[in-house]
Amino acid sequence: PPLPPPGEVRAWLTDAASYPPWLAELYLALLDDEAPALAAAQNQPAPVWLRVNALRTDRAAALAGIQAERPGAAVAPSDVVPEAIRLAGGASPGELAAFRGGLVTVQDLGAQAVGRLCGAAPGERILDACAGVGGKSTHLAALAGGAAAIHAADLSTRKLELCAELARRLGAAGIEPIAADLTAPGDRLAPAYDRVLLDAPCTGLGVLRRHPELKWRREPGDIGRLADLQRRLLEALAGRVRPGGLLVYSVCTLTREEGEGQVRAFLGRHPELVPEPPEDPALRALCDEAGLLRTYPHRHDADAFVAARLRKRP
């Protein structure tokens, strides 16, 4: 039988775009008439976004070098993140001289926006919780000019090894990988930080372009299970933000339970933390009426992230 036309939205999402019914309903509940555009974008290959390493170069110089090396590629700067470059065409980004020399690294635009939302300054003590392979840790190091003390914490020692390798390639000083269960007491973390970034484990529904198998591996019950883990991580980290300090919470997913619902419930339990909009107008333009930063594949050519910037009262 022929595929349903886009006007038959539910049928189009399940039959033409190949989404499980529960996820099609989720998209419709979240974005209504934008659901088909989101689904179509999530079915496309992910773009290649590079982050210019400000510790070693600037975007103009990196752009010029990449364009000279790959004259046939389409190279364009982002109007959202000052150090972001979109690369299309040519060979693998890992073969670029700028990549091998630590002038750029690969990082999605949404992830770069989260790093910018957190920010960093020289002399600060910063915790990158659930740091993974160190994309955001090295971004924060660059934003601080290599003069911040950053604890990159994760359960996975293998990911932390990769984090250390990335820091070496980029020349990012001040990053200390720490294997830690963030929900357990008695770890090696500091009692208080100027900034805490929690890019929490989540259902990953915002990165389906990179992991299309998640459409069929995820189940509705995963949302509550991961939301509970996020809640426990937030509770464990709330006390590690110094008075006047900053907590940034982010997830690369779309569900309300992991995004705005999680943040609203957390703020209800912690009145000492208040939402703070970003100063950067480009980032502020990505924020919704609740003050949450959001990126979408079909709107911004970025993975879908939701992030909250929260300031602890002095």
Protein backbone atom coordinates (compact mmCIF):
# COMPACT_ATOMS: atom_id res chain seq x y z
CA PRO A 1 0.00 0.00 0.00
CA PRO A 2 1.15 3.58 -0.55
CA LEU A 3 2.64 5.47 2.37
CA PRO A 4 0.34 7.90 4.15
CA PRO A 5 0.72 11.57 3.12
CA PRO A 6 2.26 14.05 5.57
CA GLY A 7 -1.20 15.43 6.30
CA GLU A 8 -2.11 12.20 8.08
CA VAL A 9 0.41 13.02 10.77
CA ARG A 10 0.17 10.05 13.13
CA ALA A 11 0.16 7.52 10.32
CA TRP A 12 2.99 9.37 8.55
CA LEU A 13 5.13 9.34 11.71
CA THR A 14 4.69 5.61 12.28
CA ASP A 15 4.59 4.29 8.70
CA ALA A 16 6.60 6.74 6.58
CA ALA A 17 9.05 8.05 9.21
CA SER A 18 9.26 4.66 10.99
CA TYR A 19 8.66 5.77 14.57
CA PRO A 20 7.13 3.52 17.23
CA PRO A 21 3.61 4.68 18.12
CA TRP A 22 4.50 5.82 21.64
CA LEU A 23 7.32 8.03 20.32
CA ALA A 24 5.10 9.44 17.57
CA GLU A 25 2.56 10.41 20.24
CA LEU A 26 5.33 11.97 22.32
CA TYR A 27 6.48 14.12 19.39
CA LEU A 28 2.92 15.24 18.72
CA ALA A 29 2.35 16.11 22.38
CA LEU A 30 5.55 18.13 22.52
CA LEU A 31 5.59 19.92 19.17
CA ASP A 32 2.19 19.41 17.54
CA ASP A 33 2.47 20.48 13.89
CA GLU A 34 6.28 20.55 14.05
CA ALA A 35 6.41 16.82 14.85
CA PRO A 36 6.84 15.71 11.20
CA ALA A 37 9.68 18.19 10.66
CA LEU A 38 11.45 16.95 13.80
CA ALA A 39 10.98 13.30 12.81
CA ALA A 40 12.25 13.95 9.29
CA ALA A 41 15.30 15.78 10.62
CA GLN A 42 16.03 12.99 13.10
CA ASN A 43 16.00 10.51 10.19
CA GLN A 44 18.80 12.37 8.40
CA PRO A 45 22.54 11.89 9.01
CA ALA A 46 23.89 14.18 11.71
CA PRO A 47 25.92 17.18 10.55
CA VAL A 48 29.57 17.59 11.47
CA TRP A 49 30.12 20.48 13.86
CA LEU A 50 33.62 21.47 14.87
CA ARG A 51 34.55 23.45 17.95
CA VAL A 52 37.52 25.78 17.53
CA ASN A 53 39.99 25.39 20.37
CA ALA A 54 40.42 28.95 21.64
CA LEU A 55 43.50 27.85 23.59
CA ARG A 56 45.39 27.53 20.30
CA THR A 57 43.66 29.57 17.61
CA ASP A 58 40.60 31.64 16.74
CA ARG A 59 37.66 30.88 14.46
CA ALA A 60 38.78 33.10 11.59
CA ALA A 61 42.17 31.40 11.40
CA ALA A 62 40.64 27.94 11.74
CA LEU A 63 38.09 28.67 9.02
CA ALA A 64 40.78 29.93 6.65
CA GLY A 65 42.96 26.88 7.27
CA ILE A 66 40.13 24.40 6.74
CA GLN A 67 38.93 26.15 3.58
CA ALA A 68 42.46 26.15 2.16
CA GLU A 69 42.90 22.46 2.96
CA ARG A 70 39.45 21.46 1.68
CA PRO A 71 38.42 23.91 -1.05
CA GLY A 72 35.56 21.62 -2.09
CA ALA A 73 33.98 21.46 1.36
CA ALA A 74 31.22 23.71 2.65
CA VAL A 75 32.51 25.41 5.79
CA ALA A 76 30.29 27.85 7.69
CA PRO A 77 30.46 29.55 11.11
CA SER A 78 27.57 29.29 13.56
CA ASP A 79 25.62 32.38 14.54
CA VAL A 80 24.83 30.79 17.93
CA VAL A 81 28.20 29.66 19.33
CA PRO A 82 31.26 31.80 18.50
CA GLU A 83 33.64 28.84 18.27
CA ALA A 84 31.39 26.54 16.21
CA ILE A 85 31.99 25.65 12.55
CA ARG A 86 29.78 23.44 10.37
CA LEU A 87 31.72 21.21 7.97
CA ALA A 88 30.09 19.43 5.03
CA GLY A 89 31.86 17.48 2.33
CA GLY A 90 35.36 16.11 2.04
CA ALA A 91 37.05 13.41 4.06
CA SER A 92 36.78 12.61 7.76
CA PRO A 93 37.24 15.62 10.08
CA GLY A 94 39.85 13.56 11.92
CA GLU A 95 42.10 13.86 8.86
CA LEU A 96 42.16 17.66 9.00
CA ALA A 97 45.49 19.23 9.87
CA ALA A 98 43.60 21.49 12.29
CA PHE A 99 42.16 18.44 14.03
CA ARG A 100 45.46 16.60 14.28
CA GLY A 101 47.10 19.77 15.58
CA GLY A 102 44.51 20.27 18.31
CA LEU A 103 43.10 23.45 16.77
CA VAL A 104 39.59 21.98 16.45
CA THR A 105 37.61 19.05 17.78
CA VAL A 106 34.28 17.50 16.82
CA GLN A 107 31.34 18.50 19.03
CA ASP A 108 27.67 18.99 18.23
CA LEU A 109 26.34 22.54 18.20
CA GLY A 110 23.81 21.75 20.95
CA ALA A 111 26.55 20.43 23.22
CA GLN A 112 28.61 23.54 22.54
CA ALA A 113 25.64 25.74 23.45
CA VAL A 114 25.40 23.91 26.80
CA GLY A 115 29.08 24.58 27.48
CA ARG A 116 28.53 28.24 26.68
CA LEU A 117 25.47 28.32 28.95
CA CYS A 118 27.64 27.10 31.83
CA GLY A 119 30.61 29.30 31.04
CA ALA A 120 33.90 29.42 32.93
CA ALA A 121 36.33 32.02 34.22
CA PRO A 122 39.99 32.01 35.24
CA GLY A 123 40.62 30.94 38.82
CA GLU A 124 37.33 29.09 39.23
CA ARG A 125 36.83 25.57 40.53
CA ILE A 126 34.42 23.73 38.23
CA LEU A 127 32.82 20.28 38.31
CA ASP A 128 31.85 18.63 35.03
CA ALA A 129 29.63 15.86 36.36
CA CYS A 130 29.05 12.86 34.04
CA ALA A 131 31.94 14.26 31.98
CA GLY A 132 32.19 11.30 29.60
CA VAL A 133 34.99 11.70 27.06
CA GLY A 134 35.56 15.34 27.99
CA GLY A 135 33.96 17.41 25.25
CA LYS A 136 32.41 19.86 27.69
CA SER A 137 35.36 19.75 30.12
CA THR A 138 37.76 20.87 27.40
CA HIS A 139 35.29 23.50 26.23
CA LEU A 140 35.08 24.94 29.75
CA ALA A 141 38.88 24.87 30.00
CA ALA A 142 39.11 26.91 26.80
CA LEU A 143 36.46 29.39 27.99
CA ALA A 144 38.57 29.93 31.12
CA GLY A 145 41.75 30.40 29.11
CA GLY A 146 43.20 27.24 30.62
CA ALA A 147 43.20 28.88 34.05
CA ALA A 148 40.34 27.03 35.81
CA ALA A 149 40.57 23.92 37.99
CA ILE A 150 38.13 21.43 36.44
CA HIS A 151 37.15 18.10 37.95
CA ALA A 152 35.91 15.81 35.17
CA ALA A 153 33.92 13.17 37.02
CA ASP A 154 32.44 9.99 35.57
CA LEU A 155 31.74 6.39 36.53
CA SER A 156 33.55 5.06 33.46
CA THR A 157 37.33 4.90 33.75
CA ARG A 158 37.58 4.22 30.00
CA LYS A 159 35.70 7.43 29.19
CA LEU A 160 37.97 9.33 31.56
CA GLU A 161 41.03 7.93 29.76
CA LEU A 162 39.60 9.33 26.53
CA CYS A 163 38.93 12.61 28.33
CA ALA A 164 42.59 12.82 29.33
CA GLU A 165 43.65 12.05 25.75
CA LEU A 166 41.40 14.81 24.40
CA ALA A 167 42.75 17.29 26.94
CA ARG A 168 46.29 16.47 25.87
CA ARG A 169 45.49 16.87 22.16
CA LEU A 170 43.85 20.24 22.77
CA GLY A 171 46.41 21.44 25.30
CA ALA A 172 43.65 21.96 27.86
CA ALA A 173 45.33 22.42 31.22
CA GLY A 174 43.66 22.17 34.61
CA ILE A 175 41.43 19.14 33.93
CA GLU A 176 41.60 16.36 36.53
CA PRO A 177 39.67 13.17 35.61
CA ILE A 178 38.03 11.63 38.67
CA ALA A 179 36.29 8.24 38.69
CA ALA A 180 33.34 8.75 41.00
CA ASP A 181 29.79 7.68 41.74
CA LEU A 182 28.26 11.12 42.08
CA THR A 183 25.37 9.81 44.16
CA ALA A 184 27.68 8.26 46.78
CA PRO A 185 29.36 10.10 49.67
CA GLY A 186 33.06 9.87 50.39
CA ASP A 187 34.35 10.55 46.88
CA ARG A 188 37.31 12.71 45.85
CA LEU A 189 35.23 15.68 44.79
CA ALA A 190 35.54 19.09 46.41
CA PRO A 191 32.84 20.15 48.87
CA ALA A 192 31.97 23.26 46.83
CA TYR A 193 32.43 24.54 43.29
CA ASP A 194 31.94 27.86 41.54
CA ARG A 195 30.15 26.06 38.71
CA VAL A 196 28.67 22.58 38.37
CA LEU A 197 27.65 21.21 34.98
CA LEU A 198 25.47 18.09 35.02
CA ASP A 199 24.91 16.69 31.54
CA ALA A 200 22.85 13.83 32.91
CA PRO A 201 22.23 10.33 31.59
CA CYS A 202 18.93 10.39 29.73
CA THR A 203 16.78 8.60 27.16
CA GLY A 204 18.86 10.16 24.37
CA LEU A 205 15.87 10.95 22.17
CA GLY A 206 17.59 14.13 21.03
CA VAL A 207 20.46 12.28 19.35
CA LEU A 208 18.52 9.84 17.15
CA ARG A 209 20.42 11.10 14.11
CA ARG A 210 23.53 9.58 15.66
CA HIS A 211 21.83 6.59 17.32
CA PRO A 212 18.75 5.67 15.26
CA GLU A 213 18.54 2.31 17.01
CA LEU A 214 17.34 4.11 20.15
CA LYS A 215 13.94 4.56 18.51
CA TRP A 216 13.36 0.85 18.94
CA ARG A 217 15.50 0.12 21.99
CA ARG A 218 13.89 2.73 24.20
CA GLU A 219 10.60 2.01 25.94
CA PRO A 220 8.22 4.38 27.73
CA GLY A 221 9.32 2.95 31.09
CA ASP A 222 12.86 4.18 30.48
CA ILE A 223 11.70 7.77 30.93
CA GLY A 224 10.74 7.35 34.58
CA ARG A 225 13.78 5.22 35.37
CA LEU A 226 16.21 7.77 33.98
CA ALA A 227 14.30 10.70 35.46
CA ASP A 228 14.78 9.09 38.88
CA LEU A 229 18.53 8.84 38.27
CA GLN A 230 18.63 12.48 37.18
CA ARG A 231 16.75 13.47 40.34
CA ARG A 232 19.26 11.63 42.53
CA LEU A 233 22.19 13.23 40.71
CA LEU A 234 20.71 16.70 41.08
CA GLU A 235 20.11 16.14 44.79
CA ALA A 236 23.68 14.95 45.28
CA LEU A 237 25.15 17.92 43.42
CA ALA A 238 22.96 20.74 44.74
CA GLY A 239 25.04 20.95 47.91
CA ARG A 240 28.29 21.13 45.95
CA VAL A 241 27.43 24.52 44.44
CA ARG A 242 28.88 27.31 46.55
CA PRO A 243 26.61 30.20 47.61
CA GLY A 244 26.43 32.50 44.61
CA GLY A 245 27.61 29.69 42.34
CA LEU A 246 26.04 28.22 39.22
CA LEU A 247 24.41 24.87 38.44
CA VAL A 248 23.69 23.94 34.82
CA TYR A 249 21.54 20.87 34.17
CA SER A 250 21.21 19.46 30.66
CA VAL A 251 19.89 16.38 28.87
CA CYS A 252 20.02 15.44 25.18
CA THR A 253 16.40 14.37 25.03
CA LEU A 254 12.89 15.76 24.53
CA THR A 255 10.65 14.42 27.29
CA ARG A 256 9.02 16.75 29.79
CA GLU A 257 9.79 14.38 32.66
CA GLU A 258 13.54 14.70 32.03
CA GLY A 259 13.43 18.38 31.04
CA GLU A 260 11.10 21.04 32.36
CA GLY A 261 9.33 18.68 34.77
CA GLN A 262 12.63 17.65 36.32
CA VAL A 263 13.78 21.25 36.68
CA ARG A 264 10.47 22.46 38.10
CA ALA A 265 10.40 19.71 40.73
CA PHE A 266 14.05 20.34 41.64
CA LEU A 267 13.47 24.06 42.12
CA GLY A 268 10.46 23.25 44.29
CA ARG A 269 12.75 21.29 46.60
CA HIS A 270 15.57 23.84 46.45
CA PRO A 271 14.35 27.43 46.74
CA GLU A 272 17.97 28.49 47.27
CA LEU A 273 18.45 28.01 43.51
CA VAL A 274 16.81 30.34 41.00
CA PRO A 275 16.74 30.34 37.18
CA GLU A 276 19.14 32.79 35.58
CA PRO A 277 18.87 33.64 31.88
CA PRO A 278 22.11 33.69 29.88
CA GLU A 279 23.67 37.07 29.18
CA ASP A 280 24.57 36.13 25.60
CA PRO A 281 21.71 37.29 23.31
CA ALA A 282 22.27 34.35 20.93
CA LEU A 283 21.82 31.88 23.79
CA ARG A 284 18.91 33.84 25.22
CA ALA A 285 17.15 33.51 21.85
CA LEU A 286 17.24 29.72 22.32
CA CYS A 287 15.40 29.91 25.66
CA ASP A 288 11.68 29.21 26.00
CA GLU A 289 9.17 31.06 28.18
CA ALA A 290 10.27 29.00 31.20
CA GLY A 291 13.89 30.10 30.71
CA LEU A 292 15.11 26.70 29.50
CA LEU A 293 17.57 26.60 26.64
CA ARG A 294 16.40 24.30 23.84
CA THR A 295 17.96 23.17 20.59
CA TYR A 296 16.28 21.06 17.91
CA PRO A 297 17.55 19.31 14.78
CA HIS A 298 14.86 20.81 12.54
CA ARG A 299 15.24 24.35 13.89
CA HIS A 300 18.94 24.68 14.64
CA ASP A 301 20.67 21.76 12.87
CA ALA A 302 21.76 20.66 16.35
CA ASP A 303 21.02 17.69 18.55
CA ALA A 304 17.97 18.23 20.75
CA PHE A 305 19.06 19.50 24.16
CA VAL A 306 17.20 21.08 27.03
CA ALA A 307 19.25 22.88 29.66
CA ALA A 308 18.63 25.00 32.74
CA ARG A 309 20.98 27.60 34.21
CA LEU A 310 20.40 27.96 37.96
CA ARG A 311 22.10 30.38 40.37
CA LYS A 312 22.43 29.62 44.08
CA ARG A 313 21.46 32.55 46.26
CA PRO A 314 24.42 34.18 48.05
